[in-house]
């Protein structure tokens, strides 16, 4: 499977590898659309088959209108089958039952079909409608199963949850089941980390902290190498080690975790 990073189209996420399992908590319908339209636009531009399982707070028609407004040639892409807009309730609750394995197998079947048609992989998003319902336990299991299964798939998944319907315990449960969790509130971004992230931050070496600090100040790997008198390759190695230790998906998130944990100071 190719290891090339994929453009997410979402500024806070940057470029991510196949197998990324992402989560967005959104406050308003506009926050949701402002994220998903560029997310799918980037997927279509990267030869990815795109699938959106739509449910509350959006209708399929609202999703279609937003995509048409934000993606040039959207109707052609839709007619060709490059992007599919599914009714979320029907996709996730086949026969009125929530079966985590069947849902995951369904995504895998769609992925195989996409690869057979010449796509590089598949990009998915689903609106979570199961908060506060009798299906919560099954869908927590589904998120965990999907997170484990994605490791070997050329696929990126962005699950979306409404903040207004989420209890604090729901936010923590969901964050633990995803590689990256972000929130968008009235147009503003922030990362959501579980309690384990700040603890892992203390295992960073002084050099890893230096690299993250300069990255937070907007310096490229080459510029950091010049400042610290080390090679760009060494900078990348320290950055990747920090990413791994912090449980981050990429350098951008590692910097955000380090800043949030107050182990780096970008102002000095």
C-alpha atoms as a PDB file:
ATOM      1  CA  UNK A   1       0.000   0.000   0.000  1.00  0.00           C
ATOM      2  CA  UNK A   2       1.321   3.454  -0.876  1.00  0.00           C
ATOM      3  CA  UNK A   3       2.612   5.515   2.043  1.00  0.00           C
ATOM      4  CA  UNK A   4       2.232   8.881   0.329  1.00  0.00           C
ATOM      5  CA  UNK A   5       0.362  11.394   2.460  1.00  0.00           C
ATOM      6  CA  UNK A   6      -3.096  12.456   1.314  1.00  0.00           C
ATOM      7  CA  UNK A   7      -4.353  16.028   1.363  1.00  0.00           C
ATOM      8  CA  UNK A   8      -7.296  16.242   3.767  1.00  0.00           C
ATOM      9  CA  UNK A   9      -8.472  19.655   2.571  1.00  0.00           C
ATOM     10  CA  UNK A  10      -8.860  20.640   6.245  1.00  0.00           C
ATOM     11  CA  UNK A  11      -6.271  23.170   7.404  1.00  0.00           C
ATOM     12  CA  UNK A  12      -5.926  21.930  10.980  1.00  0.00           C
ATOM     13  CA  UNK A  13      -5.383  18.329   9.839  1.00  0.00           C
ATOM     14  CA  UNK A  14      -2.936  18.950   7.003  1.00  0.00           C
ATOM     15  CA  UNK A  15      -1.774  15.891   5.053  1.00  0.00           C
ATOM     16  CA  UNK A  16      -2.384  12.446   6.543  1.00  0.00           C
ATOM     17  CA  UNK A  17      -1.581   8.839   5.597  1.00  0.00           C
ATOM     18  CA  UNK A  18      -4.005   6.176   4.455  1.00  0.00           C
ATOM     19  CA  UNK A  19      -5.725   4.499   7.369  1.00  0.00           C
ATOM     20  CA  UNK A  20      -6.397   7.754   9.222  1.00  0.00           C
ATOM     21  CA  UNK A  21      -9.521   7.643  11.394  1.00  0.00           C
ATOM     22  CA  UNK A  22     -10.597  11.185  12.175  1.00  0.00           C
ATOM     23  CA  UNK A  23     -13.357  12.769  14.219  1.00  0.00           C
ATOM     24  CA  UNK A  24     -14.965  16.195  14.069  1.00  0.00           C
ATOM     25  CA  UNK A  25     -17.191  17.665  16.774  1.00  0.00           C
ATOM     26  CA  UNK A  26     -19.162  20.499  15.199  1.00  0.00           C
ATOM     27  CA  UNK A  27     -21.306  23.159  16.829  1.00  0.00           C
ATOM     28  CA  UNK A  28     -23.331  24.363  13.845  1.00  0.00           C
ATOM     29  CA  UNK A  29     -24.456  23.045  10.484  1.00  0.00           C
ATOM     30  CA  UNK A  30     -22.181  25.644   8.868  1.00  0.00           C
ATOM     31  CA  UNK A  31     -19.183  24.287  10.792  1.00  0.00           C
ATOM     32  CA  UNK A  32     -19.970  20.826   9.464  1.00  0.00           C
ATOM     33  CA  UNK A  33     -20.315  21.934   5.853  1.00  0.00           C
ATOM     34  CA  UNK A  34     -17.258  24.197   6.007  1.00  0.00           C
ATOM     35  CA  UNK A  35     -15.242  21.096   6.918  1.00  0.00           C
ATOM     36  CA  UNK A  36     -16.736  18.410   4.723  1.00  0.00           C
ATOM     37  CA  UNK A  37     -16.957  20.294   1.430  1.00  0.00           C
ATOM     38  CA  UNK A  38     -13.167  20.926   1.228  1.00  0.00           C
ATOM     39  CA  UNK A  39     -12.546  17.441   2.641  1.00  0.00           C
ATOM     40  CA  UNK A  40     -14.404  15.796  -0.237  1.00  0.00           C
ATOM     41  CA  UNK A  41     -13.052  18.288  -2.777  1.00  0.00           C
ATOM     42  CA  UNK A  42      -9.509  17.259  -1.847  1.00  0.00           C
ATOM     43  CA  UNK A  43     -10.463  13.592  -2.155  1.00  0.00           C
ATOM     44  CA  UNK A  44     -11.943  13.990  -5.620  1.00  0.00           C
ATOM     45  CA  UNK A  45      -8.888  15.947  -6.766  1.00  0.00           C
ATOM     46  CA  UNK A  46      -6.663  13.101  -5.500  1.00  0.00           C
ATOM     47  CA  UNK A  47      -8.456  10.342  -7.434  1.00  0.00           C
ATOM     48  CA  UNK A  48     -10.267   8.982  -4.406  1.00  0.00           C
ATOM     49  CA  UNK A  49     -13.744   7.495  -4.400  1.00  0.00           C
ATOM     50  CA  UNK A  50     -15.803   9.572  -1.962  1.00  0.00           C
ATOM     51  CA  UNK A  51     -18.766   8.444   0.142  1.00  0.00           C
ATOM     52  CA  UNK A  52     -20.822  10.580   2.515  1.00  0.00           C
ATOM     53  CA  UNK A  53     -23.379   8.845   4.766  1.00  0.00           C
ATOM     54  CA  UNK A  54     -25.649  11.771   5.610  1.00  0.00           C
ATOM     55  CA  UNK A  55     -28.039  12.112   8.532  1.00  0.00           C
ATOM     56  CA  UNK A  56     -29.014  14.791  11.045  1.00  0.00           C
ATOM     57  CA  UNK A  57     -28.423  17.723  11.137  1.00  0.00           C
ATOM     58  CA  UNK A  58     -28.260  17.600   7.318  1.00  0.00           C
ATOM     59  CA  UNK A  59     -30.479  16.188   4.607  1.00  0.00           C
ATOM     60  CA  UNK A  60     -29.016  14.578   1.514  1.00  0.00           C
ATOM     61  CA  UNK A  61     -30.310  17.466  -0.567  1.00  0.00           C
ATOM     62  CA  UNK A  62     -28.575  20.027   1.665  1.00  0.00           C
ATOM     63  CA  UNK A  63     -25.357  18.043   1.374  1.00  0.00           C
ATOM     64  CA  UNK A  64     -25.724  17.872  -2.415  1.00  0.00           C
ATOM     65  CA  UNK A  65     -26.329  21.626  -2.695  1.00  0.00           C
ATOM     66  CA  UNK A  66     -23.286  22.465  -0.534  1.00  0.00           C
ATOM     67  CA  UNK A  67     -21.031  20.131  -2.528  1.00  0.00           C
ATOM     68  CA  UNK A  68     -22.309  21.537  -5.824  1.00  0.00           C
ATOM     69  CA  UNK A  69     -21.510  25.075  -4.657  1.00  0.00           C
ATOM     70  CA  UNK A  70     -18.027  24.193  -3.426  1.00  0.00           C
ATOM     71  CA  UNK A  71     -16.756  21.643  -5.953  1.00  0.00           C
ATOM     72  CA  UNK A  72     -16.360  22.522  -9.651  1.00  0.00           C
ATOM     73  CA  UNK A  73     -17.919  19.861 -11.880  1.00  0.00           C
ATOM     74  CA  UNK A  74     -19.659  18.211  -8.936  1.00  0.00           C
ATOM     75  CA  UNK A  75     -22.689  17.011 -10.919  1.00  0.00           C
ATOM     76  CA  UNK A  76     -20.409  15.280 -13.412  1.00  0.00           C
ATOM     77  CA  UNK A  77     -18.495  13.610 -10.577  1.00  0.00           C
ATOM     78  CA  UNK A  78     -21.775  12.504  -9.014  1.00  0.00           C
ATOM     79  CA  UNK A  79     -23.077  11.085 -12.292  1.00  0.00           C
ATOM     80  CA  UNK A  80     -19.822   9.182 -12.825  1.00  0.00           C
ATOM     81  CA  UNK A  81     -20.026   7.655  -9.363  1.00  0.00           C
ATOM     82  CA  UNK A  82     -16.906   9.419  -8.081  1.00  0.00           C
ATOM     83  CA  UNK A  83     -18.884  10.580  -5.073  1.00  0.00           C
ATOM     84  CA  UNK A  84     -21.880   8.928  -3.449  1.00  0.00           C
ATOM     85  CA  UNK A  85     -24.307  10.437  -0.933  1.00  0.00           C
ATOM     86  CA  UNK A  86     -25.948   7.734   1.172  1.00  0.00           C
ATOM     87  CA  UNK A  87     -28.845   7.958   3.639  1.00  0.00           C
ATOM     88  CA  UNK A  88     -27.039   7.433   6.930  1.00  0.00           C
ATOM     89  CA  UNK A  89     -29.803   5.604   8.774  1.00  0.00           C
ATOM     90  CA  UNK A  90     -30.181   3.047   5.995  1.00  0.00           C
ATOM     91  CA  UNK A  91     -26.431   2.467   5.710  1.00  0.00           C
ATOM     92  CA  UNK A  92     -25.689   2.072   9.418  1.00  0.00           C
ATOM     93  CA  UNK A  93     -28.937   0.381  10.486  1.00  0.00           C
ATOM     94  CA  UNK A  94     -29.506  -2.326   7.917  1.00  0.00           C
ATOM     95  CA  UNK A  95     -32.735  -4.068   8.826  1.00  0.00           C
ATOM     96  CA  UNK A  96     -33.087  -1.801  11.849  1.00  0.00           C
ATOM     97  CA  UNK A  97     -30.059  -3.409  13.506  1.00  0.00           C
ATOM     98  CA  UNK A  98     -26.653  -1.921  14.321  1.00  0.00           C
ATOM     99  CA  UNK A  99     -24.068  -4.584  13.469  1.00  0.00           C
ATOM    100  CA  UNK A 100     -20.480  -3.220  13.745  1.00  0.00           C
ATOM    101  CA  UNK A 101     -18.954  -6.001  11.651  1.00  0.00           C
ATOM    102  CA  UNK A 102     -21.506  -5.667   8.855  1.00  0.00           C
ATOM    103  CA  UNK A 103     -20.934  -1.911   8.660  1.00  0.00           C
ATOM    104  CA  UNK A 104     -17.157  -2.344   8.496  1.00  0.00           C
ATOM    105  CA  UNK A 105     -17.506  -5.116   5.910  1.00  0.00           C
ATOM    106  CA  UNK A 106     -19.742  -2.794   3.888  1.00  0.00           C
ATOM    107  CA  UNK A 107     -17.022  -0.130   3.748  1.00  0.00           C
ATOM    108  CA  UNK A 108     -14.489  -2.763   2.742  1.00  0.00           C
ATOM    109  CA  UNK A 109     -16.736  -3.939  -0.114  1.00  0.00           C
ATOM    110  CA  UNK A 110     -17.077  -0.358  -1.364  1.00  0.00           C
ATOM    111  CA  UNK A 111     -13.311   0.055  -1.157  1.00  0.00           C
ATOM    112  CA  UNK A 112     -12.677  -3.068  -3.245  1.00  0.00           C
ATOM    113  CA  UNK A 113     -15.113  -1.806  -5.873  1.00  0.00           C
ATOM    114  CA  UNK A 114     -13.399   1.612  -5.914  1.00  0.00           C
ATOM    115  CA  UNK A 115      -9.953   0.071  -6.381  1.00  0.00           C
ATOM    116  CA  UNK A 116     -11.277  -2.121  -9.189  1.00  0.00           C
ATOM    117  CA  UNK A 117     -12.515   1.038 -10.933  1.00  0.00           C
ATOM    118  CA  UNK A 118      -9.052   2.603 -10.812  1.00  0.00           C
ATOM    119  CA  UNK A 119      -9.354   4.880  -7.785  1.00  0.00           C
ATOM    120  CA  UNK A 120      -6.327   5.214  -5.497  1.00  0.00           C
ATOM    121  CA  UNK A 121      -8.474   4.613  -2.446  1.00  0.00           C
ATOM    122  CA  UNK A 122     -11.593   5.813  -0.696  1.00  0.00           C
ATOM    123  CA  UNK A 123     -12.569   8.795   1.442  1.00  0.00           C
ATOM    124  CA  UNK A 124     -15.570   8.497   3.773  1.00  0.00           C
ATOM    125  CA  UNK A 125     -17.558  10.614   6.185  1.00  0.00           C
ATOM    126  CA  UNK A 126     -20.578   9.737   8.284  1.00  0.00           C
ATOM    127  CA  UNK A 127     -22.775  11.937  10.466  1.00  0.00           C
ATOM    128  CA  UNK A 128     -23.267  10.319  13.873  1.00  0.00           C
ATOM    129  CA  UNK A 129     -26.967  10.188  14.731  1.00  0.00           C
ATOM    130  CA  UNK A 130     -26.712   7.567  17.486  1.00  0.00           C
ATOM    131  CA  UNK A 131     -25.794   9.769  20.462  1.00  0.00           C
ATOM    132  CA  UNK A 132     -28.461   9.417  23.127  1.00  0.00           C
ATOM    133  CA  UNK A 133     -30.061   6.430  21.399  1.00  0.00           C
ATOM    134  CA  UNK A 134     -30.261   2.742  22.204  1.00  0.00           C
ATOM    135  CA  UNK A 135     -27.539   2.126  19.598  1.00  0.00           C
ATOM    136  CA  UNK A 136     -24.734   3.918  21.463  1.00  0.00           C
ATOM    137  CA  UNK A 137     -23.033   0.742  22.722  1.00  0.00           C
ATOM    138  CA  UNK A 138     -23.025  -0.884  19.274  1.00  0.00           C
ATOM    139  CA  UNK A 139     -21.641   2.206  17.593  1.00  0.00           C
ATOM    140  CA  UNK A 140     -18.871   2.600  20.145  1.00  0.00           C
ATOM    141  CA  UNK A 141     -17.883  -0.956  19.243  1.00  0.00           C
ATOM    142  CA  UNK A 142     -18.105  -0.064  15.560  1.00  0.00           C
ATOM    143  CA  UNK A 143     -15.780   2.932  15.965  1.00  0.00           C
ATOM    144  CA  UNK A 144     -13.226   0.755  17.779  1.00  0.00           C
ATOM    145  CA  UNK A 145     -13.442  -2.000  15.183  1.00  0.00           C
ATOM    146  CA  UNK A 146     -13.136   0.443  12.311  1.00  0.00           C
ATOM    147  CA  UNK A 147     -10.128   2.141  13.914  1.00  0.00           C
ATOM    148  CA  UNK A 148      -8.299  -1.196  14.082  1.00  0.00           C
ATOM    149  CA  UNK A 149      -9.353  -2.310  10.597  1.00  0.00           C
ATOM    150  CA  UNK A 150      -8.299   0.904   8.838  1.00  0.00           C
ATOM    151  CA  UNK A 151      -4.617   0.253   9.530  1.00  0.00           C
ATOM    152  CA  UNK A 152      -4.318  -1.860   6.399  1.00  0.00           C
ATOM    153  CA  UNK A 153      -6.706  -0.028   4.077  1.00  0.00           C
ATOM    154  CA  UNK A 154      -6.136   2.768   1.503  1.00  0.00           C
ATOM    155  CA  UNK A 155      -8.946   4.690   3.102  1.00  0.00           C
ATOM    156  CA  UNK A 156      -9.531   7.816   5.202  1.00  0.00           C
ATOM    157  CA  UNK A 157     -12.601   8.180   7.422  1.00  0.00           C
ATOM    158  CA  UNK A 158     -13.914  11.356   9.060  1.00  0.00           C
ATOM    159  CA  UNK A 159     -16.713  10.774  11.574  1.00  0.00           C
ATOM    160  CA  UNK A 160     -18.733  13.818  12.601  1.00  0.00           C
ATOM    161  CA  UNK A 161     -20.519  14.381  15.907  1.00  0.00           C
ATOM    162  CA  UNK A 162     -22.730  17.295  17.050  1.00  0.00           C
ATOM    163  CA  UNK A 163     -21.307  19.054  20.108  1.00  0.00           C
ATOM    164  CA  UNK A 164     -24.762  20.114  21.292  1.00  0.00           C
ATOM    165  CA  UNK A 165     -25.861  16.485  21.638  1.00  0.00           C
ATOM    166  CA  UNK A 166     -22.608  15.218  23.174  1.00  0.00           C
ATOM    167  CA  UNK A 167     -22.056  14.731  26.894  1.00  0.00           C
ATOM    168  CA  UNK A 168     -18.481  15.067  28.252  1.00  0.00           C
ATOM    169  CA  UNK A 169     -18.268  11.280  28.598  1.00  0.00           C
ATOM    170  CA  UNK A 170     -19.355  10.883  24.966  1.00  0.00           C
ATOM    171  CA  UNK A 171     -16.586  13.231  23.823  1.00  0.00           C
ATOM    172  CA  UNK A 172     -13.967  11.203  25.713  1.00  0.00           C
ATOM    173  CA  UNK A 173     -15.283   7.867  24.437  1.00  0.00           C
ATOM    174  CA  UNK A 174     -15.280   9.115  20.855  1.00  0.00           C
ATOM    175  CA  UNK A 175     -11.833  10.726  21.114  1.00  0.00           C
ATOM    176  CA  UNK A 176     -10.306   7.466  22.360  1.00  0.00           C
ATOM    177  CA  UNK A 177     -11.704   5.609  19.329  1.00  0.00           C
ATOM    178  CA  UNK A 178     -10.125   7.943  16.753  1.00  0.00           C
ATOM    179  CA  UNK A 179      -6.570   8.743  15.773  1.00  0.00           C
ATOM    180  CA  UNK A 180      -7.300  12.475  15.607  1.00  0.00           C
ATOM    181  CA  UNK A 181     -10.200  14.407  17.132  1.00  0.00           C
ATOM    182  CA  UNK A 182     -10.862  18.072  16.440  1.00  0.00           C
ATOM    183  CA  UNK A 183     -13.667  20.479  17.237  1.00  0.00           C
ATOM    184  CA  UNK A 184     -14.996  23.366  15.174  1.00  0.00           C
ATOM    185  CA  UNK A 185     -17.063  25.951  17.007  1.00  0.00           C
ATOM    186  CA  UNK A 186     -18.385  28.969  15.151  1.00  0.00           C
ATOM    187  CA  UNK A 187     -15.524  28.785  12.670  1.00  0.00           C
ATOM    188  CA  UNK A 188     -12.734  28.211  15.217  1.00  0.00           C
ATOM    189  CA  UNK A 189     -10.632  25.043  15.453  1.00  0.00           C
ATOM    190  CA  UNK A 190      -9.161  23.142  18.376  1.00  0.00           C
ATOM    191  CA  UNK A 191      -7.741  19.681  19.002  1.00  0.00           C
ATOM    192  CA  UNK A 192      -9.285  17.350  21.555  1.00  0.00           C
ATOM    193  CA  UNK A 193      -6.898  15.005  23.333  1.00  0.00           C
ATOM    194  CA  UNK A 194      -7.547  12.323  25.913  1.00  0.00           C
ATOM    195  CA  UNK A 195      -5.796  12.392  29.276  1.00  0.00           C
ATOM    196  CA  UNK A 196      -3.007  10.132  28.020  1.00  0.00           C
ATOM    197  CA  UNK A 197      -1.529  12.726  25.644  1.00  0.00           C
ATOM    198  CA  UNK A 198      -0.129  15.170  28.245  1.00  0.00           C
ATOM    199  CA  UNK A 199       1.445  12.242  30.148  1.00  0.00           C
ATOM    200  CA  UNK A 200       3.251  11.027  27.008  1.00  0.00           C
ATOM    201  CA  UNK A 201       4.602  14.532  26.435  1.00  0.00           C
ATOM    202  CA  UNK A 202       7.043  14.129  29.340  1.00  0.00           C
ATOM    203  CA  UNK A 203       8.939  11.391  27.453  1.00  0.00           C
ATOM    204  CA  UNK A 204      10.176  13.814  24.776  1.00  0.00           C
ATOM    205  CA  UNK A 205      13.903  14.456  24.592  1.00  0.00           C
ATOM    206  CA  UNK A 206      15.327  18.003  24.757  1.00  0.00           C
ATOM    207  CA  UNK A 207      16.126  17.866  21.041  1.00  0.00           C
ATOM    208  CA  UNK A 208      12.580  16.727  20.167  1.00  0.00           C
ATOM    209  CA  UNK A 209      11.221  19.630  22.198  1.00  0.00           C
ATOM    210  CA  UNK A 210      13.510  22.032  20.325  1.00  0.00           C
ATOM    211  CA  UNK A 211      12.311  20.730  16.971  1.00  0.00           C
ATOM    212  CA  UNK A 212       8.639  21.056  17.962  1.00  0.00           C
ATOM    213  CA  UNK A 213       9.219  24.551  19.331  1.00  0.00           C
ATOM    214  CA  UNK A 214      10.741  25.790  16.076  1.00  0.00           C
ATOM    215  CA  UNK A 215       8.032  24.012  14.074  1.00  0.00           C
ATOM    216  CA  UNK A 216       5.429  25.834  16.169  1.00  0.00           C
ATOM    217  CA  UNK A 217       7.132  29.087  15.198  1.00  0.00           C
ATOM    218  CA  UNK A 218       6.531  28.283  11.546  1.00  0.00           C
ATOM    219  CA  UNK A 219      10.009  27.071  10.593  1.00  0.00           C
ATOM    220  CA  UNK A 220      10.453  24.376   7.928  1.00  0.00           C
ATOM    221  CA  UNK A 221      12.529  21.240   8.572  1.00  0.00           C
ATOM    222  CA  UNK A 222      15.393  22.723   6.540  1.00  0.00           C
ATOM    223  CA  UNK A 223      15.277  25.992   8.512  1.00  0.00           C
ATOM    224  CA  UNK A 224      15.193  24.112  11.822  1.00  0.00           C
ATOM    225  CA  UNK A 225      18.250  22.152  10.709  1.00  0.00           C
ATOM    226  CA  UNK A 226      20.113  25.386   9.980  1.00  0.00           C
ATOM    227  CA  UNK A 227      19.161  26.812  13.384  1.00  0.00           C
ATOM    228  CA  UNK A 228      20.125  23.687  15.344  1.00  0.00           C
ATOM    229  CA  UNK A 229      23.122  22.807  13.122  1.00  0.00           C
ATOM    230  CA  UNK A 230      21.792  19.387  12.221  1.00  0.00           C
ATOM    231  CA  UNK A 231      20.648  17.884   8.924  1.00  0.00           C
ATOM    232  CA  UNK A 232      17.093  18.073   7.644  1.00  0.00           C
ATOM    233  CA  UNK A 233      16.944  14.286   7.857  1.00  0.00           C
ATOM    234  CA  UNK A 234      17.822  14.428  11.552  1.00  0.00           C
ATOM    235  CA  UNK A 235      15.143  17.070  12.090  1.00  0.00           C
ATOM    236  CA  UNK A 236      12.581  14.806  10.423  1.00  0.00           C
ATOM    237  CA  UNK A 237      13.683  11.865  12.586  1.00  0.00           C
ATOM    238  CA  UNK A 238      13.249  13.893  15.792  1.00  0.00           C
ATOM    239  CA  UNK A 239       9.883  15.179  14.588  1.00  0.00           C
ATOM    240  CA  UNK A 240       8.631  11.692  13.741  1.00  0.00           C
ATOM    241  CA  UNK A 241       9.797  10.397  17.103  1.00  0.00           C
ATOM    242  CA  UNK A 242       7.861  13.186  18.826  1.00  0.00           C
ATOM    243  CA  UNK A 243       4.777  12.438  16.714  1.00  0.00           C
ATOM    244  CA  UNK A 244       4.958   8.788  17.727  1.00  0.00           C
ATOM    245  CA  UNK A 245       5.485   9.478  21.436  1.00  0.00           C
ATOM    246  CA  UNK A 246       2.599  11.943  21.559  1.00  0.00           C
ATOM    247  CA  UNK A 247       0.255   9.606  19.719  1.00  0.00           C
ATOM    248  CA  UNK A 248      -0.257  12.283  17.083  1.00  0.00           C
ATOM    249  CA  UNK A 249      -1.192  11.750  13.458  1.00  0.00           C
ATOM    250  CA  UNK A 250       1.330  14.231  12.084  1.00  0.00           C
ATOM    251  CA  UNK A 251       3.710  17.046  12.986  1.00  0.00           C
ATOM    252  CA  UNK A 252       0.931  19.621  13.103  1.00  0.00           C
ATOM    253  CA  UNK A 253      -0.987  17.715  15.746  1.00  0.00           C
ATOM    254  CA  UNK A 254       2.195  16.952  17.701  1.00  0.00           C
ATOM    255  CA  UNK A 255       2.880  20.698  17.903  1.00  0.00           C
ATOM    256  CA  UNK A 256      -0.704  21.344  19.030  1.00  0.00           C
ATOM    257  CA  UNK A 257      -0.483  18.699  21.760  1.00  0.00           C
ATOM    258  CA  UNK A 258       2.868  20.039  22.965  1.00  0.00           C
ATOM    259  CA  UNK A 259       1.499  23.592  23.116  1.00  0.00           C
ATOM    260  CA  UNK A 260      -1.676  22.494  24.866  1.00  0.00           C
ATOM    261  CA  UNK A 261       0.385  20.513  27.403  1.00  0.00           C
ATOM    262  CA  UNK A 262       2.577  23.631  27.880  1.00  0.00           C
ATOM    263  CA  UNK A 263       5.812  21.732  27.328  1.00  0.00           C
ATOM    264  CA  UNK A 264       6.919  24.116  24.584  1.00  0.00           C
ATOM    265  CA  UNK A 265       6.821  27.893  24.581  1.00  0.00           C
ATOM    266  CA  UNK A 266       6.676  29.558  21.165  1.00  0.00           C
ATOM    267  CA  UNK A 267       6.875  33.111  22.477  1.00  0.00           C
ATOM    268  CA  UNK A 268      10.380  33.107  23.973  1.00  0.00           C
END
